[in-house]
Amino acid sequence: QVQLVESGGGLVQAGGSLTLSCAASASGGAFSIRTMGWFRQAPGKEREIVAAISWNSVRSYYADSVTGRFTISRDNAKNTLSLQMNSLKPEDTAIYYCAADTRAFYWRGTFANTADFGSWGQGTQVTVSL
């Protein structure tokens, strides 16, 4: 079981940067064996995947809307997941969540969606102003 806590959200002007962090408290090394993902949910919209990274950091996936602007990374030794967000746009405004894939050692690539992930954190608010 993985317990996740997000941090790093805030208010930033368009064009600015933020780095989100996700700290995992995992028993039995559960964090290091799972693909991790960042998701976001804007008001009135469904939760969507933003980025994902495989358990060994070899593979990563980005939604088209953030490709080239966001970078996902992880440190298994520290049980942490990060999301570097650059060139932020007002449409990036949302609550951002981290989550762990329900299957160990499994990469879904472009087929990943919210139903495949669990152990959701409480989220961190990102607001991008004009």
Foldseek 3Di string as FASTA:
>chain_A
DKAKAKDWADEEAAQAKTKMKIAIDDPPLVLLFWKKFKWWDDPPGDIWTAKIAGSVRPDMEGDPVQPPFKDWDDDSVRRMIMIIGGRDDQVVWTWMKMWTFPDTNDDDHPNDTPVRTDNIHPTDTHGYHD
